[in-house]
Amino acid sequence: MARPSIFEFAGGEPAFQALAAAHHARCLADPLLNHPFDHPDRKPDHVERLAAYWAEVFGGPGTYTAKYGDQSSVLRLHCGEGGDVMQEFGRRFVACFVAAADDAGLPGDAQLRQALRAYMEWAVSDVVSYSPKESVIPDGKPVPRWSWEGLALP
């Protein structure tokens, strides 16, 4: 029998909605992370967008791509921040994500939790790689897909 996707195993759209809401709340409570999450330019549907993005990443429907854009658009939101603060920002972002999985009531399965952490560590590294002010994001990057084995290459 085939193993379900991470999306399915975690609990589908309700689980990713809860994860995004919990992560958002944790980031708002963190003194370093709260600025981008409480910024006046932040989209009012940020939690919905984040839930759709993570759902798609982990094997759910392509809602994020259909409604909001591709990976290039995600990276453009975060590129060019510059500075060493991005390393600490990334570390704390991952910690909030891991804790938010508990807050959201996602299954405590060790393989699921490792897959979630591995993805977020990879994602933060990817974003940080575009943090220099002169960074250029290539057009047309697809939303990444993360499986139990890691990054699923197209």
Protein backbone atom coordinates (compact mmCIF):
# COMPACT_ATOMS: atom_id res chain seq x y z
CA MET A 1 0.00 0.00 0.00
CA ALA A 2 1.35 3.41 -0.98
CA ARG A 3 2.17 5.84 1.79
CA PRO A 4 -0.09 8.90 1.84
CA SER A 5 1.41 12.28 1.06
CA ILE A 6 2.63 14.38 3.97
CA PHE A 7 -0.38 16.62 3.28
CA GLU A 8 -2.79 13.71 3.72
CA PHE A 9 -0.96 12.19 6.68
CA ALA A 10 -0.87 15.52 8.55
CA GLY A 11 -4.64 15.99 8.21
CA GLY A 12 -5.20 17.80 4.92
CA GLU A 13 -6.31 21.40 4.49
CA PRO A 14 -7.63 21.85 8.06
CA ALA A 15 -4.26 20.76 9.46
CA PHE A 16 -2.33 23.21 7.27
CA GLN A 17 -4.77 26.01 8.08
CA ALA A 18 -4.19 25.33 11.79
CA LEU A 19 -0.41 25.11 11.25
CA ALA A 20 -0.32 28.43 9.39
CA ALA A 21 -2.43 30.15 12.06
CA ALA A 22 -0.29 28.75 14.88
CA HIS A 23 2.94 29.67 13.11
CA HIS A 24 1.67 33.16 12.40
CA ALA A 25 0.75 33.63 16.08
CA ARG A 26 4.16 32.39 17.23
CA CYS A 27 5.96 34.71 14.82
CA LEU A 28 3.89 37.69 15.99
CA ALA A 29 4.94 36.89 19.57
CA ASP A 30 8.66 36.76 18.70
CA PRO A 31 10.45 40.13 18.94
CA LEU A 32 12.69 39.41 15.93
CA LEU A 33 10.08 37.76 13.72
CA ASN A 34 7.09 39.96 14.43
CA HIS A 35 7.98 42.88 12.13
CA PRO A 36 7.35 41.12 8.81
CA PHE A 37 4.25 39.43 10.24
CA ASP A 38 2.78 42.65 11.59
CA HIS A 39 3.93 44.95 8.78
CA PRO A 40 1.28 47.28 7.29
CA ASP A 41 1.99 45.86 3.81
CA ARG A 42 1.18 42.32 4.98
CA LYS A 43 -1.68 40.81 3.05
CA PRO A 44 -4.82 40.41 5.19
CA ASP A 45 -5.18 36.83 3.93
CA HIS A 46 -1.60 35.90 4.91
CA VAL A 47 -2.61 32.87 6.99
CA GLU A 48 -4.80 31.55 4.16
CA ARG A 49 -1.98 32.06 1.65
CA LEU A 50 0.56 30.40 3.92
CA ALA A 51 -1.73 27.42 4.51
CA ALA A 52 -2.31 27.01 0.76
CA TYR A 53 1.43 27.28 0.08
CA TRP A 54 2.47 24.69 2.66
CA ALA A 55 -0.40 22.39 1.64
CA GLU A 56 0.84 22.48 -1.96
CA VAL A 57 4.46 21.96 -0.91
CA PHE A 58 3.53 18.83 1.04
CA GLY A 59 1.45 17.19 -1.68
CA GLY A 60 -1.89 18.96 -1.47
CA PRO A 61 -3.81 20.74 -4.21
CA GLY A 62 -2.18 23.44 -6.35
CA THR A 63 -4.31 26.20 -4.83
CA TYR A 64 -1.39 28.48 -4.04
CA THR A 65 -0.03 28.38 -7.58
CA ALA A 66 -3.50 28.82 -9.11
CA LYS A 67 -4.49 31.78 -6.91
CA TYR A 68 -1.29 33.52 -5.86
CA GLY A 69 1.74 32.67 -7.99
CA ASP A 70 4.82 30.53 -8.14
CA GLN A 71 7.97 30.11 -6.06
CA SER A 72 9.57 33.10 -7.77
CA SER A 73 6.83 35.33 -6.36
CA VAL A 74 7.33 33.84 -2.88
CA LEU A 75 11.07 34.44 -3.02
CA ARG A 76 10.57 38.00 -4.24
CA LEU A 77 8.58 38.73 -1.07
CA HIS A 78 11.61 37.78 1.02
CA CYS A 79 14.66 38.61 -1.08
CA GLY A 80 17.11 41.42 -0.59
CA GLU A 81 16.70 41.72 3.18
CA GLY A 82 20.49 41.59 3.62
CA GLY A 83 22.48 41.39 6.82
CA ASP A 84 23.52 38.71 9.25
CA VAL A 85 20.19 38.95 11.03
CA MET A 86 18.76 36.58 8.40
CA GLN A 87 20.62 33.62 9.95
CA GLU A 88 19.07 34.24 13.37
CA PHE A 89 15.74 35.04 11.73
CA GLY A 90 15.85 31.68 9.95
CA ARG A 91 16.74 29.73 13.07
CA ARG A 92 13.87 31.27 15.01
CA PHE A 93 11.47 30.87 12.08
CA VAL A 94 12.20 27.11 12.03
CA ALA A 95 11.76 26.91 15.83
CA CYS A 96 8.36 28.63 15.56
CA PHE A 97 7.34 26.26 12.77
CA VAL A 98 8.30 23.17 14.76
CA ALA A 99 6.45 24.42 17.86
CA ALA A 100 3.44 25.44 15.75
CA ALA A 101 3.05 21.83 14.62
CA ASP A 102 2.32 20.98 18.27
CA ASP A 103 0.05 24.00 18.69
CA ALA A 104 -1.90 22.96 15.59
CA GLY A 105 -2.33 19.40 16.85
CA LEU A 106 -0.53 17.75 13.94
CA PRO A 107 0.25 14.06 14.48
CA GLY A 108 3.29 13.51 16.69
CA ASP A 109 4.67 10.85 14.34
CA ALA A 110 8.49 11.13 14.34
CA GLN A 111 8.81 10.74 10.56
CA LEU A 112 6.22 13.44 9.93
CA ARG A 113 7.91 15.83 12.32
CA GLN A 114 11.32 15.14 10.75
CA ALA A 115 9.93 15.75 7.26
CA LEU A 116 8.35 19.04 8.36
CA ARG A 117 11.58 20.23 10.03
CA ALA A 118 13.74 19.14 7.10
CA TYR A 119 11.53 21.04 4.68
CA MET A 120 11.56 24.21 6.75
CA GLU A 121 15.33 24.09 7.22
CA TRP A 122 15.71 23.71 3.44
CA ALA A 123 13.17 26.48 2.76
CA VAL A 124 14.87 28.91 5.13
CA SER A 125 18.22 28.14 3.53
CA ASP A 126 16.71 28.81 0.11
CA VAL A 127 15.28 32.16 1.22
CA VAL A 128 18.52 33.17 2.98
CA SER A 129 20.45 32.44 -0.22
CA TYR A 130 18.50 35.33 -1.79
CA SER A 131 18.99 37.72 1.13
CA PRO A 132 21.84 39.83 -0.35
CA LYS A 133 20.49 43.18 -1.56
CA GLU A 134 21.62 42.49 -5.14
CA SER A 135 19.79 39.15 -5.38
CA VAL A 136 17.87 38.42 -8.55
CA ILE A 137 15.08 35.86 -8.52
CA PRO A 138 14.67 33.88 -11.73
CA ASP A 139 11.19 33.83 -13.25
CA GLY A 140 9.05 30.72 -13.36
CA LYS A 141 10.33 28.76 -10.36
CA PRO A 142 7.65 26.22 -9.42
CA VAL A 143 6.44 25.81 -5.85
CA PRO A 144 8.67 23.09 -4.40
CA ARG A 145 7.23 19.71 -3.55
CA TRP A 146 8.42 17.93 -0.42
CA SER A 147 7.93 14.20 0.06
CA TRP A 148 8.86 11.76 2.81
CA GLU A 149 12.24 11.45 1.07
CA GLY A 150 12.82 15.22 0.85
CA LEU A 151 12.75 17.63 -2.06
CA ALA A 152 10.95 16.06 -5.02
CA LEU A 153 12.65 17.30 -8.14
CA PRO A 154 10.49 17.95 -11.21
